[in-house]
Amino acid sequence: MAIVGLGLDLAQISRFEAAYARRGERMLERLFTPGERAYCERKKERISSYCGRFAVKEAVMKVLGTGWTRGVRWIDIEVVRAPGSAPQCVLHGASAAIAQKKGIRVIHITITHDAGIAAAVAVAES
């Protein structure tokens, strides 16, 4: 197994919150899967949780080398977390196909948020 990609993203929580104030639920539906939304809605600091997952999606797009192109949709990059375990990245649709073509077997992720910033790192392994 070898590292075949690395992505990092920082997101200002206040900027994310302002975008949500303007766009509302439609924004959340476009960016997050139902599972991600259910997870974030249970959190006291739900906007921070959403923003962290947004940062993961950006970091994974950097790993894939796509940005928002080539059919990659926000909801095709999903952050899942079982109780008591670290978050994991699950790819769907075009994102999964691109990862397979690049020989990516797994994408490890980490998320943090503090001092008004959400950060995420994604490491792709073959």
Protein backbone atom coordinates (compact mmCIF):
# COMPACT_ATOMS: atom_id res chain seq x y z
CA MET A 1 0.00 0.00 0.00
CA ALA A 2 1.21 3.47 -0.87
CA ILE A 3 0.01 7.02 -0.41
CA VAL A 4 -1.26 8.26 -3.77
CA GLY A 5 -2.85 11.55 -2.80
CA LEU A 6 -3.11 14.17 -0.08
CA GLY A 7 -5.70 16.91 0.36
CA LEU A 8 -6.13 19.65 2.96
CA ASP A 9 -8.88 22.19 3.39
CA LEU A 10 -9.67 24.99 5.82
CA ALA A 11 -13.13 26.55 6.04
CA GLN A 12 -14.30 29.55 8.05
CA ILE A 13 -17.29 28.50 10.11
CA SER A 14 -18.77 32.02 10.07
CA ARG A 15 -18.59 32.11 6.26
CA PHE A 16 -20.33 28.73 6.05
CA GLU A 17 -22.99 29.93 8.50
CA ALA A 18 -23.57 33.09 6.43
CA ALA A 19 -24.01 31.00 3.27
CA TYR A 20 -26.49 28.81 5.12
CA ALA A 21 -28.39 31.90 6.30
CA ARG A 22 -28.72 33.03 2.65
CA ARG A 23 -29.45 29.65 1.02
CA GLY A 24 -31.07 27.62 3.80
CA GLU A 25 -32.05 23.99 3.55
CA ARG A 26 -31.48 23.84 -0.20
CA MET A 27 -27.77 24.33 0.44
CA LEU A 28 -27.67 21.49 2.96
CA GLU A 29 -29.59 19.18 0.58
CA ARG A 30 -27.10 19.93 -2.20
CA LEU A 31 -23.99 19.45 -0.06
CA PHE A 32 -24.80 16.64 2.38
CA THR A 33 -26.30 13.17 2.31
CA PRO A 34 -29.31 12.37 4.51
CA GLY A 35 -26.99 10.46 6.87
CA GLU A 36 -24.62 13.39 7.20
CA ARG A 37 -27.50 15.74 7.85
CA ALA A 38 -28.95 13.47 10.54
CA TYR A 39 -25.55 13.29 12.24
CA CYS A 40 -24.96 17.05 12.20
CA GLU A 41 -28.48 17.89 13.33
CA ARG A 42 -27.90 15.89 16.53
CA LYS A 43 -24.88 18.02 17.44
CA LYS A 44 -24.98 21.06 19.71
CA GLU A 45 -22.60 22.88 17.36
CA ARG A 46 -24.30 21.67 14.20
CA ILE A 47 -22.92 24.39 11.91
CA SER A 48 -19.36 23.49 12.98
CA SER A 49 -20.10 19.84 12.19
CA TYR A 50 -21.50 20.72 8.77
CA CYS A 51 -18.52 22.96 8.06
CA GLY A 52 -16.08 20.20 9.03
CA ARG A 53 -17.76 17.80 6.64
CA PHE A 54 -17.69 20.46 3.94
CA ALA A 55 -13.92 20.77 4.48
CA VAL A 56 -13.58 16.97 4.12
CA LYS A 57 -15.40 17.07 0.80
CA GLU A 58 -13.05 19.82 -0.47
CA ALA A 59 -9.98 17.88 0.73
CA VAL A 60 -11.21 14.70 -0.99
CA MET A 61 -11.80 16.59 -4.24
CA LYS A 62 -8.15 17.66 -4.05
CA VAL A 63 -7.09 14.03 -3.53
CA LEU A 64 -9.13 13.01 -6.57
CA GLY A 65 -7.72 15.93 -8.58
CA THR A 66 -11.16 16.96 -9.78
CA GLY A 67 -12.53 19.91 -7.87
CA TRP A 68 -16.21 20.25 -8.74
CA THR A 69 -15.75 18.88 -12.27
CA ARG A 70 -15.96 15.55 -14.11
CA GLY A 71 -19.34 14.68 -12.63
CA VAL A 72 -18.24 14.88 -8.99
CA ARG A 73 -21.13 15.89 -6.78
CA TRP A 74 -20.93 17.01 -3.16
CA ILE A 75 -23.18 14.17 -2.03
CA ASP A 76 -20.93 11.61 -3.76
CA ILE A 77 -18.37 12.22 -1.01
CA GLU A 78 -19.87 11.10 2.28
CA VAL A 79 -18.51 11.29 5.81
CA VAL A 80 -19.79 8.48 8.03
CA ARG A 81 -19.01 7.85 11.66
CA ALA A 82 -20.04 4.89 13.76
CA PRO A 83 -20.33 5.55 17.50
CA GLY A 84 -16.94 5.37 19.15
CA SER A 85 -14.97 5.31 15.91
CA ALA A 86 -13.14 7.78 13.71
CA PRO A 87 -14.91 9.35 10.74
CA GLN A 88 -14.60 7.54 7.44
CA CYS A 89 -14.99 8.61 3.83
CA VAL A 90 -17.35 6.73 1.54
CA LEU A 91 -17.40 7.56 -2.17
CA HIS A 92 -20.35 7.19 -4.52
CA GLY A 93 -21.02 7.82 -8.20
CA ALA A 94 -18.36 9.59 -10.27
CA SER A 95 -16.14 10.09 -7.22
CA ALA A 96 -15.96 6.34 -6.65
CA ALA A 97 -15.25 5.70 -10.33
CA ILE A 98 -12.44 8.28 -10.40
CA ALA A 99 -10.90 6.84 -7.23
CA GLN A 100 -11.01 3.32 -8.70
CA LYS A 101 -9.38 4.52 -11.92
CA LYS A 102 -6.58 6.14 -9.88
CA GLY A 103 -6.09 2.94 -7.88
CA ILE A 104 -7.32 4.49 -4.63
CA ARG A 105 -8.41 1.77 -2.23
CA VAL A 106 -9.23 3.92 0.80
CA ILE A 107 -9.25 7.59 1.77
CA HIS A 108 -8.34 8.28 5.39
CA ILE A 109 -9.75 11.51 6.81
CA THR A 110 -9.49 13.64 9.90
CA ILE A 111 -11.61 16.65 10.86
CA THR A 112 -11.18 19.35 13.47
CA HIS A 113 -12.81 22.67 14.27
CA ASP A 114 -11.61 25.35 16.63
CA ALA A 115 -11.24 29.13 16.81
CA GLY A 116 -13.78 29.64 14.03
CA ILE A 117 -12.04 27.34 11.54
CA ALA A 118 -12.91 23.84 10.37
CA ALA A 119 -10.04 21.82 8.92
CA ALA A 120 -9.83 18.47 7.19
CA VAL A 121 -7.07 16.28 5.82
CA ALA A 122 -7.60 13.43 3.37
CA VAL A 123 -4.96 10.83 2.55
CA ALA A 124 -5.56 8.42 -0.33
CA GLU A 125 -3.99 4.98 -0.19
CA SER A 126 -3.63 2.45 -2.99
